[in-house]
């Protein structure tokens, strides 16, 4: 069986991010793995101007 070495958690909003990151931290501790947290945020005023996705 393969070892778990890295865990990536993707957080998109504040409401659910705390739970998700907490779960990722628990798993990283359990498997002694590296934890990477990626926070994704939509920028409606990006390169293409105002957009609705």
N, C-alpha and C. Protein backbone atom coordinates (compact mmCIF):
# COMPACT_ATOMS: atom_id res chain seq x y z
N UNK A 1 0.84 -1.20 0.00
CA UNK A 1 0.00 0.00 0.00
C UNK A 1 0.88 1.25 0.00
N UNK A 2 0.48 2.26 -0.75
CA UNK A 2 1.24 3.51 -0.85
C UNK A 2 1.09 4.35 0.42
N UNK A 3 2.15 5.06 0.76
CA UNK A 3 2.12 5.98 1.89
C UNK A 3 1.50 7.30 1.47
N UNK A 4 0.78 7.92 2.38
CA UNK A 4 0.25 9.25 2.13
C UNK A 4 1.30 10.25 2.58
N UNK A 5 1.82 11.04 1.64
CA UNK A 5 2.89 11.97 1.94
C UNK A 5 2.44 13.42 1.90
N UNK A 6 1.46 13.71 1.08
CA UNK A 6 0.98 15.09 0.93
C UNK A 6 -0.54 15.10 0.90
N UNK A 7 -1.09 16.10 1.54
CA UNK A 7 -2.54 16.29 1.54
C UNK A 7 -2.80 17.72 1.10
N UNK A 8 -3.72 17.89 0.14
CA UNK A 8 -4.08 19.22 -0.32
C UNK A 8 -5.53 19.49 0.03
N UNK A 9 -5.76 20.64 0.64
CA UNK A 9 -7.10 21.07 1.00
C UNK A 9 -7.42 22.32 0.19
N UNK A 10 -8.58 22.34 -0.46
CA UNK A 10 -9.00 23.49 -1.25
C UNK A 10 -10.14 24.17 -0.51
N UNK A 11 -9.95 25.43 -0.17
CA UNK A 11 -10.94 26.20 0.56
C UNK A 11 -11.48 27.30 -0.35
N UNK A 12 -12.80 27.34 -0.51
CA UNK A 12 -13.38 28.32 -1.42
C UNK A 12 -14.19 29.40 -0.72
N UNK A 13 -14.69 29.13 0.47
CA UNK A 13 -15.44 30.16 1.18
C UNK A 13 -15.19 30.05 2.69
N UNK A 14 -15.40 31.13 3.38
CA UNK A 14 -15.11 31.20 4.81
C UNK A 14 -15.99 30.24 5.61
N UNK A 15 -17.24 30.11 5.22
CA UNK A 15 -18.21 29.32 5.98
C UNK A 15 -17.76 27.86 6.15
N UNK A 16 -17.28 27.24 5.09
CA UNK A 16 -16.92 25.83 5.14
C UNK A 16 -15.41 25.60 5.25
N UNK A 17 -14.61 26.63 5.08
CA UNK A 17 -13.16 26.48 5.08
C UNK A 17 -12.62 25.99 6.42
N UNK A 18 -13.17 26.48 7.50
CA UNK A 18 -12.66 26.10 8.82
C UNK A 18 -12.78 24.59 9.04
N UNK A 19 -13.92 24.03 8.69
CA UNK A 19 -14.12 22.57 8.80
C UNK A 19 -13.16 21.80 7.90
N UNK A 20 -13.02 22.26 6.68
CA UNK A 20 -12.17 21.59 5.70
C UNK A 20 -10.71 21.60 6.12
N UNK A 21 -10.23 22.76 6.55
CA UNK A 21 -8.84 22.87 6.98
C UNK A 21 -8.61 22.04 8.23
N UNK A 22 -9.55 22.05 9.15
CA UNK A 22 -9.43 21.24 10.37
C UNK A 22 -9.30 19.75 10.02
N UNK A 23 -10.09 19.30 9.09
CA UNK A 23 -10.03 17.90 8.64
C UNK A 23 -8.67 17.61 7.99
N UNK A 24 -8.18 18.53 7.17
CA UNK A 24 -6.87 18.36 6.53
C UNK A 24 -5.75 18.30 7.55
N UNK A 25 -5.81 19.15 8.58
CA UNK A 25 -4.79 19.15 9.63
C UNK A 25 -4.81 17.81 10.37
N UNK A 26 -6.00 17.32 10.69
CA UNK A 26 -6.12 16.03 11.38
C UNK A 26 -5.51 14.90 10.57
N UNK A 27 -5.81 14.87 9.28
CA UNK A 27 -5.27 13.82 8.41
C UNK A 27 -3.75 13.94 8.28
N UNK A 28 -3.26 15.17 8.16
CA UNK A 28 -1.81 15.37 8.03
C UNK A 28 -1.09 14.89 9.29
N UNK A 29 -1.68 15.16 10.45
CA UNK A 29 -1.08 14.68 11.70
C UNK A 29 -1.11 13.16 11.77
N UNK A 30 -2.26 12.59 11.39
CA UNK A 30 -2.43 11.13 11.46
C UNK A 30 -1.40 10.40 10.59
N UNK A 31 -1.16 10.91 9.39
CA UNK A 31 -0.27 10.25 8.44
C UNK A 31 1.12 10.87 8.40
N UNK A 32 1.38 11.85 9.27
CA UNK A 32 2.66 12.56 9.29
C UNK A 32 2.98 13.07 7.88
N UNK A 33 2.00 13.74 7.29
CA UNK A 33 2.10 14.19 5.89
C UNK A 33 2.21 15.71 5.82
N UNK A 34 2.67 16.19 4.68
CA UNK A 34 2.74 17.62 4.41
C UNK A 34 1.34 18.09 4.04
N UNK A 35 0.95 19.25 4.56
CA UNK A 35 -0.37 19.81 4.27
C UNK A 35 -0.22 21.07 3.45
N UNK A 36 -0.97 21.14 2.34
CA UNK A 36 -1.01 22.33 1.48
C UNK A 36 -2.44 22.81 1.46
N UNK A 37 -2.63 24.10 1.76
CA UNK A 37 -3.97 24.69 1.74
C UNK A 37 -4.02 25.69 0.60
N UNK A 38 -4.98 25.50 -0.29
CA UNK A 38 -5.17 26.40 -1.43
C UNK A 38 -6.48 27.14 -1.23
N UNK A 39 -6.40 28.45 -1.13
CA UNK A 39 -7.61 29.27 -0.98
C UNK A 39 -7.94 29.89 -2.34
N UNK A 40 -9.13 29.60 -2.85
CA UNK A 40 -9.54 30.09 -4.16
C UNK A 40 -10.58 31.18 -3.96
N UNK A 41 -10.36 32.31 -4.63
CA UNK A 41 -11.28 33.43 -4.50
C UNK A 41 -11.58 33.97 -5.89
N UNK A 42 -12.84 34.20 -6.16
CA UNK A 42 -13.27 34.73 -7.46
C UNK A 42 -13.05 36.24 -7.48
N UNK A 43 -12.44 36.76 -8.53
CA UNK A 43 -12.21 38.19 -8.68
C UNK A 43 -13.07 38.70 -9.84
N UNK A 44 -14.21 39.30 -9.55
CA UNK A 44 -15.10 39.75 -10.64
C UNK A 44 -14.52 40.92 -11.43
N UNK A 45 -13.49 41.58 -10.91
CA UNK A 45 -12.88 42.69 -11.62
C UNK A 45 -11.53 42.32 -12.20
N UNK A 46 -11.38 41.05 -12.59
CA UNK A 46 -10.12 40.54 -13.13
C UNK A 46 -9.81 41.10 -14.50
N UNK A 47 -8.96 40.43 -15.23
CA UNK A 47 -8.46 40.87 -16.53
C UNK A 47 -9.59 41.11 -17.56
N UNK A 48 -10.70 40.37 -17.44
CA UNK A 48 -11.79 40.48 -18.41
C UNK A 48 -12.87 41.46 -17.98
N UNK A 49 -12.65 42.21 -16.91
CA UNK A 49 -13.67 43.14 -16.43
C UNK A 49 -14.72 42.40 -15.61
N UNK A 50 -15.88 43.02 -15.44
CA UNK A 50 -16.95 42.43 -14.65
C UNK A 50 -17.47 41.16 -15.32
N UNK A 51 -17.59 40.09 -14.54
CA UNK A 51 -18.13 38.84 -15.09
C UNK A 51 -18.94 38.13 -14.02
N UNK A 52 -19.83 37.32 -14.45
CA UNK A 52 -20.66 36.53 -13.53
C UNK A 52 -20.32 35.07 -13.68
N UNK A 53 -19.07 34.75 -13.73
CA UNK A 53 -18.51 33.40 -13.85
C UNK A 53 -18.37 33.11 -15.29
